C-alpha atoms as a PDB file:
ATOM      1  CA  MET A   1      73.079   4.038-115.868  1.00  0.00           C
ATOM      2  CA  GLY A   2      70.388   2.467-113.698  1.00  0.00           C
ATOM      3  CA  ASP A   3      67.648   4.007-115.838  1.00  0.00           C
ATOM      4  CA  HIS A   4      69.251   2.618-119.003  1.00  0.00           C
ATOM      5  CA  LEU A   5      69.447  -0.878-117.470  1.00  0.00           C
ATOM      6  CA  LEU A   6      65.793  -0.782-116.443  1.00  0.00           C
ATOM      7  CA  LEU A   7      64.860   0.377-119.934  1.00  0.00           C
ATOM      8  CA  MET A   8      66.787  -2.512-121.519  1.00  0.00           C
ATOM      9  CA  LEU A   9      65.154  -5.088-119.224  1.00  0.00           C
ATOM     10  CA  SER A  10      61.722  -3.639-119.909  1.00  0.00           C
ATOM     11  CA  SER A  11      62.368  -3.840-123.647  1.00  0.00           C
ATOM     12  CA  LEU A  12      63.425  -7.496-123.399  1.00  0.00           C
ATOM     13  CA  LEU A  13      60.312  -8.376-121.409  1.00  0.00           C
ATOM     14  CA  LEU A  14      58.155  -6.550-123.942  1.00  0.00           C
ATOM     15  CA  LEU A  15      59.755  -8.399-126.852  1.00  0.00           C
ATOM     16  CA  SER A  16      59.208 -11.764-125.120  1.00  0.00           C
ATOM     17  CA  SER A  17      55.611 -10.845-124.420  1.00  0.00           C
ATOM     18  CA  VAL A  18      54.997  -9.853-128.024  1.00  0.00           C
ATOM     19  CA  ALA A  19      56.578 -13.093-129.278  1.00  0.00           C
ATOM     20  CA  PHE A  20      54.213 -15.312-127.307  1.00  0.00           C
ATOM     21  CA  SER A  21      51.177 -13.058-127.657  1.00  0.00           C
ATOM     22  CA  THR A  22      51.402 -13.422-131.447  1.00  0.00           C
ATOM     23  CA  ALA A  23      51.642 -17.208-131.326  1.00  0.00           C
ATOM     24  CA  SER A  24      49.209 -17.528-134.217  1.00  0.00           C
ATOM     25  CA  SER A  25      51.583 -15.659-136.515  1.00  0.00           C
ATOM     26  CA  SER A  26      53.062 -17.609-139.427  1.00  0.00           C
ATOM     27  CA  SER A  27      56.438 -15.951-138.796  1.00  0.00           C
ATOM     28  CA  PHE A  28      57.529 -18.734-136.437  1.00  0.00           C
ATOM     29  CA  PRO A  29      59.443 -21.614-138.081  1.00  0.00           C
ATOM     30  CA  PRO A  30      57.460 -24.816-138.673  1.00  0.00           C
ATOM     31  CA  VAL A  31      58.270 -27.910-136.648  1.00  0.00           C
ATOM     32  CA  VAL A  32      59.544 -30.688-138.941  1.00  0.00           C
ATOM     33  CA  ASP A  33      59.547 -34.437-138.471  1.00  0.00           C
ATOM     34  CA  VAL A  34      62.417 -36.837-139.096  1.00  0.00           C
ATOM     35  CA  ASP A  35      61.478 -37.061-142.776  1.00  0.00           C
ATOM     36  CA  GLY A  36      61.628 -33.302-143.252  1.00  0.00           C
ATOM     37  CA  HIS A  37      57.858 -32.776-143.395  1.00  0.00           C
ATOM     38  CA  VAL A  38      56.138 -30.120-141.316  1.00  0.00           C
ATOM     39  CA  LEU A  39      53.959 -31.241-138.424  1.00  0.00           C
ATOM     40  CA  MET A  40      50.228 -30.590-138.688  1.00  0.00           C
ATOM     41  CA  THR A  41      47.713 -30.114-135.899  1.00  0.00           C
ATOM     42  CA  GLY A  42      45.357 -32.998-135.239  1.00  0.00           C
ATOM     43  CA  LYS A  43      47.704 -35.579-136.778  1.00  0.00           C
ATOM     44  CA  PRO A  44      49.498 -38.421-134.944  1.00  0.00           C
ATOM     45  CA  TYR A  45      53.264 -38.324-134.388  1.00  0.00           C
ATOM     46  CA  TYR A  46      55.590 -40.444-132.294  1.00  0.00           C
ATOM     47  CA  ALA A  47      57.645 -38.282-129.906  1.00  0.00           C
ATOM     48  CA  LEU A  48      60.996 -40.089-129.853  1.00  0.00           C
ATOM     49  CA  SER A  49      63.975 -39.429-127.613  1.00  0.00           C
ATOM     50  CA  GLY A  50      67.409 -40.832-126.876  1.00  0.00           C
ATOM     51  CA  LEU A  51      70.554 -41.329-128.940  1.00  0.00           C
ATOM     52  CA  LEU A  52      69.902 -45.026-129.437  1.00  0.00           C
ATOM     53  CA  ARG A  53      69.588 -47.425-132.323  1.00  0.00           C
ATOM     54  CA  HIS A  54      65.919 -47.780-131.393  1.00  0.00           C
ATOM     55  CA  PRO A  55      64.589 -44.382-130.260  1.00  0.00           C
ATOM     56  CA  LEU A  56      62.273 -44.409-127.266  1.00  0.00           C
ATOM     57  CA  GLY A  57      58.779 -42.971-127.412  1.00  0.00           C
ATOM     58  CA  LEU A  58      56.248 -42.175-124.688  1.00  0.00           C
ATOM     59  CA  CYS A  59      54.190 -44.732-122.755  1.00  0.00           C
ATOM     60  CA  LEU A  60      51.775 -45.051-119.839  1.00  0.00           C
ATOM     61  CA  PRO A  61      52.922 -47.525-117.153  1.00  0.00           C
ATOM     62  CA  ASP A  62      50.363 -49.830-115.594  1.00  0.00           C
ATOM     63  CA  ASP A  63      52.226 -50.859-112.468  1.00  0.00           C
ATOM     64  CA  VAL A  64      52.964 -47.478-110.862  1.00  0.00           C
ATOM     65  CA  GLY A  65      51.231 -44.159-111.537  1.00  0.00           C
ATOM     66  CA  GLN A  66      49.351 -45.558-114.499  1.00  0.00           C
ATOM     67  CA  ASN A  67      48.359 -42.091-115.743  1.00  0.00           C
ATOM     68  CA  ASP A  68      51.920 -40.737-115.711  1.00  0.00           C
ATOM     69  CA  VAL A  69      53.605 -40.150-119.068  1.00  0.00           C
ATOM     70  CA  VAL A  70      56.965 -41.946-119.129  1.00  0.00           C
ATOM     71  CA  GLN A  71      59.751 -42.686-121.563  1.00  0.00           C
ATOM     72  CA  CYS A  72      59.115 -46.186-122.905  1.00  0.00           C
ATOM     73  CA  PRO A  73      61.467 -48.823-121.430  1.00  0.00           C
ATOM     74  CA  LEU A  74      64.116 -50.093-123.815  1.00  0.00           C
ATOM     75  CA  LEU A  75      63.108 -53.766-123.649  1.00  0.00           C
ATOM     76  CA  LYS A  76      59.498 -53.860-124.744  1.00  0.00           C
ATOM     77  CA  HIS A  77      57.220 -54.816-127.598  1.00  0.00           C
ATOM     78  CA  ASP A  78      57.190 -51.411-129.331  1.00  0.00           C
ATOM     79  CA  SER A  79      59.609 -48.708-128.212  1.00  0.00           C
ATOM     80  CA  ARG A  80      57.709 -46.006-130.107  1.00  0.00           C
ATOM     81  CA  GLY A  81      54.900 -46.024-127.553  1.00  0.00           C
ATOM     82  CA  PHE A  82      51.804 -43.893-128.101  1.00  0.00           C
ATOM     83  CA  PRO A  83      51.707 -41.169-130.772  1.00  0.00           C
ATOM     84  CA  VAL A  84      50.794 -37.637-129.743  1.00  0.00           C
ATOM     85  CA  ALA A  85      48.746 -34.929-131.448  1.00  0.00           C
ATOM     86  CA  PHE A  86      48.892 -31.154-131.066  1.00  0.00           C
ATOM     87  CA  THR A  87      45.813 -28.938-130.851  1.00  0.00           C
ATOM     88  CA  ARG A  88      45.756 -25.162-130.800  1.00  0.00           C
ATOM     89  CA  VAL A  89      44.950 -23.766-127.378  1.00  0.00           C
ATOM     90  CA  LYS A  90      42.080 -21.598-128.592  1.00  0.00           C
ATOM     91  CA  ASP A  91      40.308 -24.751-129.854  1.00  0.00           C
ATOM     92  CA  ASP A  92      39.274 -25.897-126.392  1.00  0.00           C
ATOM     93  CA  ASP A  93      38.147 -29.375-127.437  1.00  0.00           C
ATOM     94  CA  GLY A  94      39.894 -29.589-130.805  1.00  0.00           C
ATOM     95  CA  ASP A  95      37.397 -28.456-133.426  1.00  0.00           C
ATOM     96  CA  GLU A  96      36.526 -30.589-136.451  1.00  0.00           C
ATOM     97  CA  ASP A  97      38.424 -28.349-138.861  1.00  0.00           C
ATOM     98  CA  ASP A  98      41.566 -28.644-136.749  1.00  0.00           C
ATOM     99  CA  ARG A  99      41.459 -32.454-136.870  1.00  0.00           C
ATOM    100  CA  GLU A 100      40.323 -32.882-140.447  1.00  0.00           C
ATOM    101  CA  HIS A 101      42.406 -30.367-142.357  1.00  0.00           C
ATOM    102  CA  GLY A 102      45.243 -29.594-139.986  1.00  0.00           C
ATOM    103  CA  ARG A 103      47.316 -26.497-139.543  1.00  0.00           C
ATOM    104  CA  VAL A 104      51.078 -26.133-139.475  1.00  0.00           C
ATOM    105  CA  VAL A 105      52.603 -26.762-136.042  1.00  0.00           C
ATOM    106  CA  ARG A 106      55.098 -23.986-135.347  1.00  0.00           C
ATOM    107  CA  GLU A 107      57.810 -23.307-132.823  1.00  0.00           C
ATOM    108  CA  ASP A 108      57.130 -20.993-129.867  1.00  0.00           C
ATOM    109  CA  THR A 109      53.383 -21.412-130.274  1.00  0.00           C
ATOM    110  CA  PHE A 110      50.970 -22.664-127.632  1.00  0.00           C
ATOM    111  CA  TYR A 111      49.344 -26.088-128.080  1.00  0.00           C
ATOM    112  CA  ARG A 112      47.549 -28.702-126.099  1.00  0.00           C
ATOM    113  CA  VAL A 113      49.160 -32.123-126.304  1.00  0.00           C
ATOM    114  CA  GLN A 114      47.267 -35.391-126.153  1.00  0.00           C
ATOM    115  CA  PHE A 115      47.822 -39.052-126.902  1.00  0.00           C
ATOM    116  CA  TRP A 116      46.335 -40.063-130.238  1.00  0.00           C
ATOM    117  CA  ASP A 117      43.512 -42.590-130.245  1.00  0.00           C
ATOM    118  CA  ASP A 118      42.598 -44.038-133.649  1.00  0.00           C
ATOM    119  CA  ASN A 119      39.279 -45.338-132.375  1.00  0.00           C
ATOM    120  CA  ASP A 120      38.211 -42.019-130.890  1.00  0.00           C
ATOM    121  CA  ASN A 121      39.099 -40.077-134.033  1.00  0.00           C
ATOM    122  CA  ASN A 122      37.363 -42.564-136.304  1.00  0.00           C
ATOM    123  CA  ASN A 123      34.252 -42.299-134.198  1.00  0.00           C
ATOM    124  CA  ASP A 124      34.348 -38.519-134.445  1.00  0.00           C
ATOM    125  CA  ASN A 125      34.633 -38.601-138.218  1.00  0.00           C
ATOM    126  CA  ASP A 126      32.186 -41.404-138.961  1.00  0.00           C
ATOM    127  CA  ASN A 127      29.480 -40.799-136.405  1.00  0.00           C
ATOM    128  CA  ASP A 128      29.599 -37.630-134.322  1.00  0.00           C
ATOM    129  CA  ASN A 129      26.329 -38.494-132.598  1.00  0.00           C
ATOM    130  CA  GLU A 130      27.394 -41.872-131.268  1.00  0.00           C
ATOM    131  CA  ASN A 131      26.505 -42.352-127.603  1.00  0.00           C
ATOM    132  CA  ASN A 132      29.402 -42.649-125.157  1.00  0.00           C
ATOM    133  CA  ASN A 133      27.734 -45.566-123.411  1.00  0.00           C
ATOM    134  CA  ASP A 134      27.583 -47.478-126.679  1.00  0.00           C
ATOM    135  CA  ASP A 135      31.300 -46.804-127.120  1.00  0.00           C
ATOM    136  CA  ASN A 136      32.034 -48.278-123.718  1.00  0.00           C
ATOM    137  CA  ASP A 137      29.945 -51.378-124.394  1.00  0.00           C
ATOM    138  CA  ASN A 138      31.645 -52.000-127.724  1.00  0.00           C
ATOM    139  CA  GLU A 139      35.089 -51.466-126.252  1.00  0.00           C
ATOM    140  CA  ASN A 140      34.422 -53.900-123.426  1.00  0.00           C
ATOM    141  CA  ASN A 141      33.593 -56.576-126.004  1.00  0.00           C
ATOM    142  CA  ASP A 142      36.958 -56.312-127.764  1.00  0.00           C
ATOM    143  CA  ASP A 143      38.933 -59.555-127.936  1.00  0.00           C
ATOM    144  CA  ASP A 144      41.759 -60.123-125.478  1.00  0.00           C
ATOM    145  CA  ASP A 145      44.014 -60.928-128.423  1.00  0.00           C
ATOM    146  CA  ASP A 146      43.752 -57.322-129.571  1.00  0.00           C
ATOM    147  CA  ASP A 147      45.096 -56.198-126.203  1.00  0.00           C
ATOM    148  CA  ASN A 148      48.153 -58.405-126.575  1.00  0.00           C
ATOM    149  CA  ASP A 149      48.800 -57.199-130.109  1.00  0.00           C
ATOM    150  CA  ASN A 150      48.778 -53.570-128.980  1.00  0.00           C
ATOM    151  CA  ASN A 151      50.596 -54.078-125.690  1.00  0.00           C
ATOM    152  CA  CYS A 152      53.365 -51.518-125.443  1.00  0.00           C
ATOM    153  CA  GLY A 153      55.009 -53.420-122.644  1.00  0.00           C
ATOM    154  CA  GLY A 154      55.537 -56.771-124.320  1.00  0.00           C
ATOM    155  CA  ASP A 155      54.454 -60.181-123.085  1.00  0.00           C
ATOM    156  CA  ASP A 156      54.425 -59.265-119.405  1.00  0.00           C
ATOM    157  CA  GLY A 157      51.886 -56.504-119.984  1.00  0.00           C
ATOM    158  CA  GLU A 158      53.915 -54.045-117.936  1.00  0.00           C
ATOM    159  CA  ILE A 159      53.040 -51.151-120.178  1.00  0.00           C
ATOM    160  CA  GLY A 160      49.338 -51.107-121.101  1.00  0.00           C
ATOM    161  CA  GLY A 161      48.270 -51.469-124.733  1.00  0.00           C
ATOM    162  CA  VAL A 162      45.970 -49.194-126.679  1.00  0.00           C
ATOM    163  CA  GLU A 163      42.903 -51.413-126.313  1.00  0.00           C
ATOM    164  CA  GLU A 164      43.467 -51.903-122.600  1.00  0.00           C
ATOM    165  CA  ARG A 165      43.775 -48.167-122.088  1.00  0.00           C
ATOM    166  CA  ARG A 166      40.675 -47.528-124.181  1.00  0.00           C
ATOM    167  CA  ARG A 167      38.556 -49.815-122.013  1.00  0.00           C
ATOM    168  CA  ARG A 168      39.658 -48.000-118.901  1.00  0.00           C
ATOM    169  CA  ARG A 169      38.620 -44.610-120.179  1.00  0.00           C
ATOM    170  CA  ARG A 170      35.089 -43.380-119.627  1.00  0.00           C
ATOM    171  CA  SER A 171      33.250 -40.195-120.468  1.00  0.00           C
ATOM    172  CA  ASP A 172      34.981 -38.353-117.614  1.00  0.00           C
ATOM    173  CA  THR A 173      38.517 -39.119-118.787  1.00  0.00           C
ATOM    174  CA  THR A 174      40.734 -37.686-121.479  1.00  0.00           C
ATOM    175  CA  ASN A 175      44.048 -38.252-123.257  1.00  0.00           C
ATOM    176  CA  VAL A 176      45.013 -34.587-122.924  1.00  0.00           C
ATOM    177  CA  TRP A 177      48.203 -33.893-120.998  1.00  0.00           C
ATOM    178  CA  TYR A 178      48.108 -32.004-117.726  1.00  0.00           C
ATOM    179  CA  LEU A 179      50.476 -31.511-114.782  1.00  0.00           C
ATOM    180  CA  LYS A 180      50.000 -33.213-111.428  1.00  0.00           C
ATOM    181  CA  LYS A 181      51.852 -32.759-108.150  1.00  0.00           C
ATOM    182  CA  GLY A 182      54.959 -34.880-107.753  1.00  0.00           C
ATOM    183  CA  ASP A 183      56.042 -37.141-104.931  1.00  0.00           C
ATOM    184  CA  VAL A 184      58.240 -34.372-103.552  1.00  0.00           C
ATOM    185  CA  SER A 185      57.944 -30.608-103.532  1.00  0.00           C
ATOM    186  CA  ARG A 186      59.208 -28.439-106.372  1.00  0.00           C
ATOM    187  CA  ARG A 187      58.403 -30.878-109.149  1.00  0.00           C
ATOM    188  CA  VAL A 188      55.369 -31.965-111.146  1.00  0.00           C
ATOM    189  CA  PHE A 189      54.693 -34.802-113.583  1.00  0.00           C
ATOM    190  CA  VAL A 190      53.003 -34.881-116.978  1.00  0.00           C
ATOM    191  CA  ALA A 191      49.957 -37.146-116.865  1.00  0.00           C
ATOM    192  CA  VAL A 192      46.592 -37.904-118.450  1.00  0.00           C
ATOM    193  CA  GLY A 193      43.392 -38.451-116.527  1.00  0.00           C
ATOM    194  CA  SER A 194      40.205 -36.720-115.458  1.00  0.00           C
ATOM    195  CA  LYS A 195      38.860 -33.895-117.597  1.00  0.00           C
ATOM    196  CA  SER A 196      38.584 -31.798-114.450  1.00  0.00           C
ATOM    197  CA  ASN A 197      42.398 -31.722-114.319  1.00  0.00           C
ATOM    198  CA  VAL A 198      42.761 -30.392-117.859  1.00  0.00           C
ATOM    199  CA  VAL A 199      42.315 -26.648-117.509  1.00  0.00           C
ATOM    200  CA  LYS A 200      42.741 -23.945-120.105  1.00  0.00           C
ATOM    201  CA  SER A 201      46.052 -22.854-118.566  1.00  0.00           C
ATOM    202  CA  VAL A 202      47.695 -26.169-119.537  1.00  0.00           C
ATOM    203  CA  ARG A 203      49.600 -25.329-122.676  1.00  0.00           C
ATOM    204  CA  PHE A 204      52.875 -26.417-124.182  1.00  0.00           C
ATOM    205  CA  ALA A 205      55.213 -24.932-126.756  1.00  0.00           C
ATOM    206  CA  ILE A 206      57.882 -26.548-128.933  1.00  0.00           C
ATOM    207  CA  LYS A 207      61.358 -25.010-129.105  1.00  0.00           C
ATOM    208  CA  ARG A 208      64.262 -25.997-131.343  1.00  0.00           C
ATOM    209  CA  VAL A 209      67.388 -27.166-129.496  1.00  0.00           C
ATOM    210  CA  THR A 210      70.555 -28.519-131.118  1.00  0.00           C
ATOM    211  CA  LEU A 211      69.299 -31.278-133.451  1.00  0.00           C
ATOM    212  CA  GLY A 212      65.850 -31.907-132.026  1.00  0.00           C
ATOM    213  CA  TYR A 213      63.135 -30.111-130.095  1.00  0.00           C
ATOM    214  CA  LYS A 214      62.217 -29.588-126.472  1.00  0.00           C
ATOM    215  CA  LEU A 215      58.801 -29.121-124.910  1.00  0.00           C
ATOM    216  CA  VAL A 216      58.150 -26.260-122.524  1.00  0.00           C
ATOM    217  CA  TYR A 217      55.137 -25.771-120.283  1.00  0.00           C
ATOM    218  CA  CYS A 218      53.831 -22.210-120.204  1.00  0.00           C
ATOM    219  CA  VAL A 219      51.445 -20.569-117.766  1.00  0.00           C
ATOM    220  CA  GLN A 220      50.228 -17.029-117.309  1.00  0.00           C
ATOM    221  CA  SER A 221      51.686 -15.508-114.161  1.00  0.00           C
ATOM    222  CA  PRO A 222      48.943 -14.539-111.678  1.00  0.00           C
ATOM    223  CA  LYS A 223      51.028 -11.493-110.761  1.00  0.00           C
ATOM    224  CA  ARG A 224      50.721 -10.174-114.302  1.00  0.00           C
ATOM    225  CA  LYS A 225      46.973  -9.995-114.802  1.00  0.00           C
ATOM    226  CA  GLY A 226      46.145  -8.575-118.184  1.00  0.00           C
ATOM    227  CA  SER A 227      49.666  -9.236-119.431  1.00  0.00           C
ATOM    228  CA  SER A 228      50.460 -11.639-122.266  1.00  0.00           C
ATOM    229  CA  PHE A 229      53.911 -12.482-120.895  1.00  0.00           C
ATOM    230  CA  PRO A 230      53.967 -16.170-119.809  1.00  0.00           C
ATOM    231  CA  ALA A 231      56.288 -18.106-117.557  1.00  0.00           C
ATOM    232  CA  CYS A 232      57.689 -21.193-119.323  1.00  0.00           C
ATOM    233  CA  PHE A 233      59.440 -24.251-117.871  1.00  0.00           C
ATOM    234  CA  GLY A 234      61.330 -26.973-119.732  1.00  0.00           C
ATOM    235  CA  VAL A 235      59.868 -30.487-119.677  1.00  0.00           C
ATOM    236  CA  GLY A 236      62.482 -33.128-118.844  1.00  0.00           C
ATOM    237  CA  LEU A 237      62.878 -36.680-117.570  1.00  0.00           C
ATOM    238  CA  ILE A 238      62.679 -37.450-113.843  1.00  0.00           C
ATOM    239  CA  ARG A 239      63.814 -40.888-112.711  1.00  0.00           C
ATOM    240  CA  VAL A 240      61.356 -42.464-110.269  1.00  0.00           C
ATOM    241  CA  ASP A 241      61.523 -46.185-109.520  1.00  0.00           C
ATOM    242  CA  ARG A 242      62.149 -47.910-112.866  1.00  0.00           C
ATOM    243  CA  TYR A 243      60.809 -45.229-115.178  1.00  0.00           C
ATOM    244  CA  ASN A 244      61.868 -41.887-116.617  1.00  0.00           C
ATOM    245  CA  HIS A 245      58.789 -39.757-115.968  1.00  0.00           C
ATOM    246  CA  LEU A 246      58.050 -36.695-118.069  1.00  0.00           C
ATOM    247  CA  GLY A 247      58.071 -33.785-115.650  1.00  0.00           C
ATOM    248  CA  ILE A 248      59.247 -30.371-114.543  1.00  0.00           C
ATOM    249  CA  GLY A 249      61.330 -29.250-111.605  1.00  0.00           C
ATOM    250  CA  LEU A 250      63.706 -30.901-109.155  1.00  0.00           C
ATOM    251  CA  GLY A 251      65.804 -33.640-110.756  1.00  0.00           C
ATOM    252  CA  ALA A 252      64.478 -33.154-114.305  1.00  0.00           C
ATOM    253  CA  ARG A 253      67.060 -33.954-116.991  1.00  0.00           C
ATOM    254  CA  PRO A 254      66.819 -32.171-120.360  1.00  0.00           C
ATOM    255  CA  VAL A 255      65.453 -34.271-123.209  1.00  0.00           C
ATOM    256  CA  GLN A 256      65.232 -33.711-126.955  1.00  0.00           C
ATOM    257  CA  PHE A 257      62.358 -35.017-129.035  1.00  0.00           C
ATOM    258  CA  PHE A 258      62.285 -36.119-132.660  1.00  0.00           C
ATOM    259  CA  PHE A 259      58.885 -36.493-134.305  1.00  0.00           C
ATOM    260  CA  LYS A 260      57.925 -39.353-136.617  1.00  0.00           C
ATOM    261  CA  LYS A 261      54.513 -39.401-138.295  1.00  0.00           C
ATOM    262  CA  LYS A 262      52.352 -42.420-137.540  1.00  0.00           C
ATOM    263  CA  THR A 263      51.393 -44.304-140.693  1.00  0.00           C
ATOM    264  CA  ASP A 264      49.512 -47.468-141.604  1.00  0.00           C
ATOM    265  CA  ASP A 265      52.869 -49.114-142.318  1.00  0.00           C
ATOM    266  CA  ASP A 266      54.127 -48.930-138.737  1.00  0.00           C
ATOM    267  CA  ASP A 267      55.997 -52.242-138.905  1.00  0.00           C
ATOM    268  CA  ASP A 268      58.831 -50.714-140.921  1.00  0.00           C
ATOM    269  CA  ASP A 269      62.167 -50.346-139.160  1.00  0.00           C
ATOM    270  CA  MET A 270      62.640 -46.977-137.503  1.00  0.00           C
ATOM    271  CA  PRO A 271      65.682 -44.888-138.448  1.00  0.00           C
ATOM    272  CA  HIS A 272      68.067 -44.151-135.593  1.00  0.00           C
ATOM    273  CA  ILE A 273      68.611 -40.639-134.298  1.00  0.00           C
ATOM    274  CA  PRO A 274      71.688 -39.676-136.382  1.00  0.00           C
ATOM    275  CA  GLU A 275      69.730 -40.419-139.564  1.00  0.00           C
ATOM    276  CA  MET A 276      66.830 -38.365-138.239  1.00  0.00           C
ATOM    277  CA  SER A 277      69.156 -35.482-137.410  1.00  0.00           C
ATOM    278  CA  ARG A 278      70.402 -35.212-140.979  1.00  0.00           C
ATOM    279  CA  HIS A 279      66.822 -34.738-142.170  1.00  0.00           C
ATOM    280  CA  LEU A 280      66.256 -32.056-139.542  1.00  0.00           C
ATOM    281  CA  VAL A 281      69.422 -30.142-140.444  1.00  0.00           C
ATOM    282  CA  VAL A 282      68.813 -30.261-144.195  1.00  0.00           C
ATOM    283  CA  ASN A 283      65.111 -29.469-144.001  1.00  0.00           C
ATOM    284  CA  ASN A 284      65.070 -27.002-141.126  1.00  0.00           C
ATOM    285  CA  THR A 285      64.627 -24.007-143.432  1.00  0.00           C
ATOM    286  CA  ASN A 286      62.652 -25.839-146.092  1.00  0.00           C
ATOM    287  CA  THR A 287      59.066 -24.611-146.247  1.00  0.00           C
ATOM    288  CA  ASN A 288      58.084 -26.280-149.518  1.00  0.00           C
ATOM    289  CA  ASN A 289      55.932 -28.774-147.628  1.00  0.00           C
ATOM    290  CA  ILE A 290      53.781 -26.066-146.035  1.00  0.00           C
ATOM    291  CA  ASN A 291      50.269 -25.951-147.470  1.00  0.00           C
END
């Protein structure tokens, strides 16, 4: 009986290992947005959460832990926050083909996650040889009015705007997500910051749950060298001070995400979560939009 039990456990571990080791396979279901379209790598999407009339996106607070990724406060200028983009793990810096043409984002597949920056992507497409110092000089000359227009925190500037964040970044910083140690043991927070913090082991996967999706952080276990079986942990919300921080571990509450593609017509009213859910249910098995 004991031998049979060990055999069953070994088989389950092997199946899990095979599932994640073949993450590039097209057999995994595509991730769909609230309009029923499949997500593509290198494209901007708002990651919305909460069963509210105005879904909450992801922001970067300026007052405490300014590099921590948090759920946008309810009372603010734009509750959608900053859009995110997914990049395949094997494309260490996000190759040009991945950004330009895109590939289908699929469940149970490893990706790097980063905040989308229109200015950075336009610079990459229009002039790949542009000097970083020139970028910094041009960004520092942006008008203050642009900062106010893009301020995610409203009039009080509590949550920094896109232009303000762009001026703060230099050649040694990045928008890519990584995990940093929390204020207490047994928990970590999702953050952006120095490129030295963004290592190859930082990878996330998207899993379908109920009506939306959850993010999981996966890392190769050091005890299983040479094995493709990863250890994965759900990303949730951890309340610290006035913000719900994106994090893992002690005190993390489960959170579902609904993706909405960023468009040039971003002033349109956002649908609330129940409307989004109907699209997800109807289009979950629809692959007609896959190129």
